[in-house]
Amino acid sequence: ASSLAVQRDADGKPIKKAVGKDKRNMYLKNEGRVASSSDSALARDDSAKFGGGWEQLPPGDRARREKAFADKSTKLRSPLFFINPCRLSVRNLAKHVTEAELKQ
């Protein structure tokens, strides 16, 4: 029960704990995501700069990307999951791409 007690200072005010570093790397959650027309103007400009926007994608690809993002968001709700900043996730590679070509 003592672990549930709120720690207080000399004035009787609760002591607030300092917020630490983002250990789960949640800032990487939207990395590589294609911005839709409903996203911010800055995200749309970045996606246009790097190969086009959401509107140029085929409907099947849009649905696949939305489902993948929803699955990732669902997983990241749990504190047991985190984003590894060193791991690269690659999807939808062509069948002719070999491991050696990918390493280049």
N, C-alpha and C. Protein backbone atom coordinates (compact mmCIF):
# COMPACT_ATOMS: atom_id res chain seq x y z
N ALA A 1 0.82 -1.18 0.00
CA ALA A 1 0.00 0.00 0.00
C ALA A 1 0.86 1.25 0.00
N SER A 2 2.07 1.14 0.60
CA SER A 2 2.93 2.32 0.65
C SER A 2 3.45 2.69 -0.74
N SER A 3 3.49 1.74 -1.66
CA SER A 3 3.96 2.05 -3.00
C SER A 3 2.93 2.87 -3.77
N LEU A 4 1.67 2.83 -3.34
CA LEU A 4 0.63 3.59 -4.00
C LEU A 4 0.49 5.01 -3.45
N ALA A 5 1.18 5.28 -2.35
CA ALA A 5 1.08 6.59 -1.72
C ALA A 5 1.72 7.66 -2.61
N VAL A 6 1.10 8.83 -2.65
CA VAL A 6 1.62 9.94 -3.43
C VAL A 6 2.69 10.64 -2.61
N GLN A 7 3.87 10.83 -3.22
CA GLN A 7 4.93 11.53 -2.52
C GLN A 7 4.66 13.03 -2.55
N ARG A 8 4.88 13.68 -1.39
CA ARG A 8 4.60 15.11 -1.28
C ARG A 8 5.83 15.84 -0.76
N ASP A 9 5.95 17.12 -1.14
CA ASP A 9 7.07 17.93 -0.67
C ASP A 9 6.73 18.53 0.70
N ALA A 10 7.59 19.44 1.18
CA ALA A 10 7.40 20.02 2.51
C ALA A 10 6.11 20.83 2.62
N ASP A 11 5.64 21.40 1.50
CA ASP A 11 4.40 22.19 1.51
C ASP A 11 3.15 21.32 1.39
N GLY A 12 3.32 20.04 1.17
CA GLY A 12 2.18 19.14 1.03
C GLY A 12 1.69 18.98 -0.40
N LYS A 13 2.42 19.58 -1.36
CA LYS A 13 2.03 19.45 -2.77
C LYS A 13 2.65 18.18 -3.35
N PRO A 14 1.92 17.51 -4.22
CA PRO A 14 2.47 16.28 -4.81
C PRO A 14 3.72 16.57 -5.65
N ILE A 15 4.70 15.68 -5.56
CA ILE A 15 5.93 15.81 -6.33
C ILE A 15 5.68 15.22 -7.71
N LYS A 16 5.93 16.01 -8.75
CA LYS A 16 5.73 15.54 -10.12
C LYS A 16 7.00 14.89 -10.61
N LYS A 17 6.85 13.75 -11.22
CA LYS A 17 8.01 13.05 -11.77
C LYS A 17 8.37 13.67 -13.11
N ALA A 18 9.66 13.78 -13.36
CA ALA A 18 10.13 14.34 -14.63
C ALA A 18 9.90 13.34 -15.75
N VAL A 19 9.48 13.85 -16.88
CA VAL A 19 9.25 13.00 -18.04
C VAL A 19 10.59 12.71 -18.68
N GLY A 20 10.89 11.43 -18.89
CA GLY A 20 12.18 11.02 -19.42
C GLY A 20 12.20 10.94 -20.94
N LYS A 21 13.28 10.39 -21.44
CA LYS A 21 13.47 10.23 -22.87
C LYS A 21 12.48 9.20 -23.42
N ASP A 22 12.11 9.36 -24.68
CA ASP A 22 11.22 8.42 -25.35
C ASP A 22 11.99 7.13 -25.63
N LYS A 23 11.87 6.17 -24.75
CA LYS A 23 12.63 4.93 -24.88
C LYS A 23 12.06 3.99 -25.94
N ARG A 24 10.83 4.25 -26.37
CA ARG A 24 10.20 3.36 -27.36
C ARG A 24 10.34 3.90 -28.78
N ASN A 25 10.97 5.06 -28.94
CA ASN A 25 11.22 5.67 -30.26
C ASN A 25 9.93 5.89 -31.04
N MET A 26 8.91 6.38 -30.38
CA MET A 26 7.62 6.59 -31.03
C MET A 26 7.67 7.69 -32.09
N TYR A 27 8.72 8.51 -32.07
CA TYR A 27 8.83 9.55 -33.07
C TYR A 27 9.07 8.96 -34.46
N LEU A 28 9.45 7.69 -34.54
CA LEU A 28 9.68 7.02 -35.82
C LEU A 28 8.42 6.35 -36.38
N LYS A 29 7.32 6.48 -35.68
CA LYS A 29 6.09 5.79 -36.08
C LYS A 29 5.63 6.16 -37.49
N ASN A 30 5.72 7.44 -37.85
CA ASN A 30 5.24 7.89 -39.16
C ASN A 30 6.33 7.97 -40.21
N GLU A 31 7.51 7.49 -39.90
CA GLU A 31 8.62 7.56 -40.85
C GLU A 31 8.31 6.72 -42.08
N GLY A 32 8.45 7.30 -43.25
CA GLY A 32 8.23 6.59 -44.51
C GLY A 32 6.78 6.50 -44.92
N ARG A 33 5.90 7.12 -44.19
CA ARG A 33 4.48 7.07 -44.52
C ARG A 33 4.15 8.07 -45.61
N VAL A 34 3.35 7.65 -46.58
CA VAL A 34 2.92 8.54 -47.66
C VAL A 34 1.78 9.39 -47.13
N ALA A 35 1.91 10.70 -47.29
CA ALA A 35 0.91 11.62 -46.75
C ALA A 35 -0.34 11.64 -47.63
N SER A 36 -1.49 11.61 -46.99
CA SER A 36 -2.75 11.70 -47.73
C SER A 36 -3.15 13.16 -47.85
N SER A 37 -4.20 13.42 -48.56
CA SER A 37 -4.65 14.79 -48.76
C SER A 37 -5.15 15.41 -47.47
N SER A 38 -5.53 14.60 -46.50
CA SER A 38 -6.03 15.12 -45.23
C SER A 38 -4.90 15.43 -44.25
N ASP A 39 -3.66 15.03 -44.58
CA ASP A 39 -2.52 15.29 -43.69
C ASP A 39 -2.08 16.74 -43.81
N SER A 40 -1.15 17.12 -42.99
CA SER A 40 -0.69 18.51 -42.95
C SER A 40 -0.01 18.90 -44.26
N ALA A 41 0.06 20.18 -44.52
CA ALA A 41 0.66 20.70 -45.75
C ALA A 41 2.14 20.35 -45.81
N LEU A 42 2.83 20.38 -44.67
CA LEU A 42 4.25 20.07 -44.65
C LEU A 42 4.50 18.61 -45.05
N ALA A 43 3.68 17.69 -44.54
CA ALA A 43 3.82 16.28 -44.90
C ALA A 43 3.52 16.06 -46.37
N ARG A 44 2.53 16.77 -46.91
CA ARG A 44 2.21 16.65 -48.33
C ARG A 44 3.37 17.15 -49.19
N ASP A 45 3.99 18.25 -48.78
CA ASP A 45 5.12 18.79 -49.54
C ASP A 45 6.29 17.81 -49.54
N ASP A 46 6.55 17.18 -48.38
CA ASP A 46 7.63 16.21 -48.30
C ASP A 46 7.36 15.00 -49.18
N SER A 47 6.13 14.48 -49.17
CA SER A 47 5.82 13.30 -49.97
C SER A 47 5.86 13.65 -51.45
N ALA A 48 5.46 14.84 -51.83
CA ALA A 48 5.53 15.26 -53.23
C ALA A 48 6.99 15.40 -53.67
N LYS A 49 7.81 15.86 -52.77
CA LYS A 49 9.23 16.03 -53.08
C LYS A 49 9.91 14.68 -53.33
N PHE A 50 9.46 13.65 -52.62
CA PHE A 50 10.10 12.34 -52.70
C PHE A 50 9.27 11.32 -53.48
N GLY A 51 8.62 11.72 -54.54
CA GLY A 51 8.03 10.74 -55.43
C GLY A 51 6.52 10.70 -55.50
N GLY A 52 5.83 11.69 -55.08
CA GLY A 52 4.39 11.70 -55.27
C GLY A 52 3.63 11.51 -53.98
N GLY A 53 2.34 11.62 -54.08
CA GLY A 53 1.50 11.57 -52.90
C GLY A 53 0.55 10.41 -52.91
N TRP A 54 -0.35 10.46 -51.98
CA TRP A 54 -1.33 9.41 -51.75
C TRP A 54 -2.23 9.20 -52.96
N GLU A 55 -2.56 10.28 -53.64
CA GLU A 55 -3.51 10.21 -54.75
C GLU A 55 -2.96 9.42 -55.94
N GLN A 56 -1.64 9.33 -56.08
CA GLN A 56 -1.05 8.60 -57.20
C GLN A 56 -0.95 7.09 -56.95
N LEU A 57 -1.22 6.64 -55.74
CA LEU A 57 -1.13 5.21 -55.42
C LEU A 57 -2.37 4.47 -55.88
N PRO A 58 -2.21 3.23 -56.35
CA PRO A 58 -3.38 2.42 -56.70
C PRO A 58 -4.21 2.11 -55.45
N PRO A 59 -5.52 1.92 -55.62
CA PRO A 59 -6.39 1.67 -54.44
C PRO A 59 -5.96 0.46 -53.61
N GLY A 60 -5.48 -0.60 -54.25
CA GLY A 60 -5.04 -1.77 -53.51
C GLY A 60 -3.84 -1.47 -52.63
N ASP A 61 -2.92 -0.68 -53.16
CA ASP A 61 -1.74 -0.30 -52.39
C ASP A 61 -2.12 0.61 -51.22
N ARG A 62 -3.08 1.50 -51.45
CA ARG A 62 -3.55 2.37 -50.37
C ARG A 62 -4.14 1.55 -49.23
N ALA A 63 -4.98 0.58 -49.59
CA ALA A 63 -5.62 -0.26 -48.57
C ALA A 63 -4.57 -1.06 -47.80
N ARG A 64 -3.57 -1.58 -48.49
CA ARG A 64 -2.51 -2.36 -47.86
C ARG A 64 -1.71 -1.48 -46.88
N ARG A 65 -1.39 -0.27 -47.31
CA ARG A 65 -0.64 0.65 -46.45
C ARG A 65 -1.45 1.07 -45.23
N GLU A 66 -2.75 1.34 -45.42
CA GLU A 66 -3.61 1.72 -44.30
C GLU A 66 -3.72 0.59 -43.28
N LYS A 67 -3.86 -0.64 -43.77
CA LYS A 67 -3.96 -1.79 -42.87
C LYS A 67 -2.65 -2.00 -42.11
N ALA A 68 -1.52 -1.86 -42.80
CA ALA A 68 -0.22 -2.03 -42.14
C ALA A 68 -0.03 -0.97 -41.06
N PHE A 69 -0.43 0.27 -41.35
CA PHE A 69 -0.27 1.33 -40.36
C PHE A 69 -1.21 1.10 -39.17
N ALA A 70 -2.42 0.64 -39.43
CA ALA A 70 -3.37 0.35 -38.35
C ALA A 70 -2.84 -0.79 -37.47
N ASP A 71 -2.27 -1.82 -38.10
CA ASP A 71 -1.70 -2.93 -37.33
C ASP A 71 -0.54 -2.46 -36.46
N LYS A 72 0.32 -1.60 -37.05
CA LYS A 72 1.45 -1.07 -36.30
C LYS A 72 0.97 -0.22 -35.12
N SER A 73 -0.04 0.60 -35.35
CA SER A 73 -0.57 1.45 -34.28
C SER A 73 -1.18 0.61 -33.16
N THR A 74 -1.86 -0.46 -33.53
CA THR A 74 -2.45 -1.36 -32.54
C THR A 74 -1.37 -2.02 -31.70
N LYS A 75 -0.30 -2.49 -32.34
CA LYS A 75 0.80 -3.11 -31.62
C LYS A 75 1.47 -2.13 -30.67
N LEU A 76 1.66 -0.90 -31.13
CA LEU A 76 2.39 0.07 -30.33
C LEU A 76 1.59 0.62 -29.17
N ARG A 77 0.32 0.28 -29.07
CA ARG A 77 -0.46 0.67 -27.89
C ARG A 77 0.04 -0.07 -26.66
N SER A 78 0.59 -1.26 -26.88
CA SER A 78 1.12 -2.05 -25.78
C SER A 78 2.51 -1.54 -25.40
N PRO A 79 2.79 -1.39 -24.13
CA PRO A 79 4.12 -0.93 -23.73
C PRO A 79 5.22 -1.96 -23.95
N LEU A 80 4.84 -3.18 -24.33
CA LEU A 80 5.84 -4.22 -24.59
C LEU A 80 6.51 -4.06 -25.95
N PHE A 81 5.89 -3.33 -26.86
CA PHE A 81 6.43 -3.15 -28.20
C PHE A 81 7.13 -1.80 -28.31
N PHE A 82 8.19 -1.76 -29.11
CA PHE A 82 8.91 -0.52 -29.36
C PHE A 82 9.40 -0.53 -30.79
N ILE A 83 9.91 0.61 -31.25
CA ILE A 83 10.44 0.73 -32.61
C ILE A 83 11.96 0.74 -32.51
N ASN A 84 12.60 -0.19 -33.19
CA ASN A 84 14.05 -0.26 -33.21
C ASN A 84 14.56 0.74 -34.23
N PRO A 85 15.36 1.74 -33.83
CA PRO A 85 15.82 2.75 -34.79
C PRO A 85 16.87 2.23 -35.76
N CYS A 86 17.45 1.07 -35.48
CA CYS A 86 18.49 0.52 -36.35
C CYS A 86 17.96 -0.50 -37.36
N ARG A 87 16.75 -0.99 -37.15
CA ARG A 87 16.20 -2.01 -38.02
C ARG A 87 15.47 -1.37 -39.19
N LEU A 88 15.71 -1.88 -40.36
CA LEU A 88 15.09 -1.37 -41.58
C LEU A 88 13.97 -2.32 -41.98
N SER A 89 12.80 -1.78 -42.21
CA SER A 89 11.66 -2.58 -42.64
C SER A 89 11.37 -2.28 -44.11
N VAL A 90 11.45 -3.31 -44.94
CA VAL A 90 11.23 -3.15 -46.37
C VAL A 90 10.08 -4.06 -46.77
N ARG A 91 9.10 -3.48 -47.48
CA ARG A 91 7.95 -4.25 -47.94
C ARG A 91 7.83 -4.14 -49.45
N ASN A 92 7.18 -5.11 -50.03
CA ASN A 92 6.84 -5.11 -51.45
C ASN A 92 8.06 -5.02 -52.36
N LEU A 93 9.06 -5.82 -52.10
CA LEU A 93 10.22 -5.86 -52.99
C LEU A 93 9.88 -6.67 -54.23
N ALA A 94 10.48 -6.30 -55.35
CA ALA A 94 10.29 -7.08 -56.56
C ALA A 94 10.98 -8.44 -56.39
N LYS A 95 10.48 -9.46 -57.06
CA LYS A 95 11.01 -10.81 -56.89
C LYS A 95 12.42 -10.95 -57.42
N HIS A 96 12.82 -10.08 -58.37
CA HIS A 96 14.15 -10.21 -58.95
C HIS A 96 15.25 -9.58 -58.10
N VAL A 97 14.89 -8.86 -57.03
CA VAL A 97 15.87 -8.22 -56.17
C VAL A 97 16.51 -9.27 -55.26
N THR A 98 17.83 -9.36 -55.34
CA THR A 98 18.55 -10.34 -54.52
C THR A 98 19.06 -9.67 -53.25
N GLU A 99 19.59 -10.48 -52.35
CA GLU A 99 20.10 -9.97 -51.09
C GLU A 99 21.31 -9.06 -51.33
N ALA A 100 22.15 -9.44 -52.30
CA ALA A 100 23.32 -8.61 -52.62
C ALA A 100 22.91 -7.24 -53.16
N GLU A 101 21.88 -7.20 -54.00
CA GLU A 101 21.40 -5.93 -54.54
C GLU A 101 20.80 -5.07 -53.44
N LEU A 102 20.14 -5.71 -52.50
CA LEU A 102 19.52 -4.98 -51.40
C LEU A 102 20.58 -4.36 -50.47
N LYS A 103 21.70 -5.05 -50.27
CA LYS A 103 22.76 -4.54 -49.42
C LYS A 103 23.46 -3.34 -50.03
N GLN A 104 23.42 -3.23 -51.36
CA GLN A 104 24.05 -2.06 -52.00
C GLN A 104 23.24 -0.87 -51.67
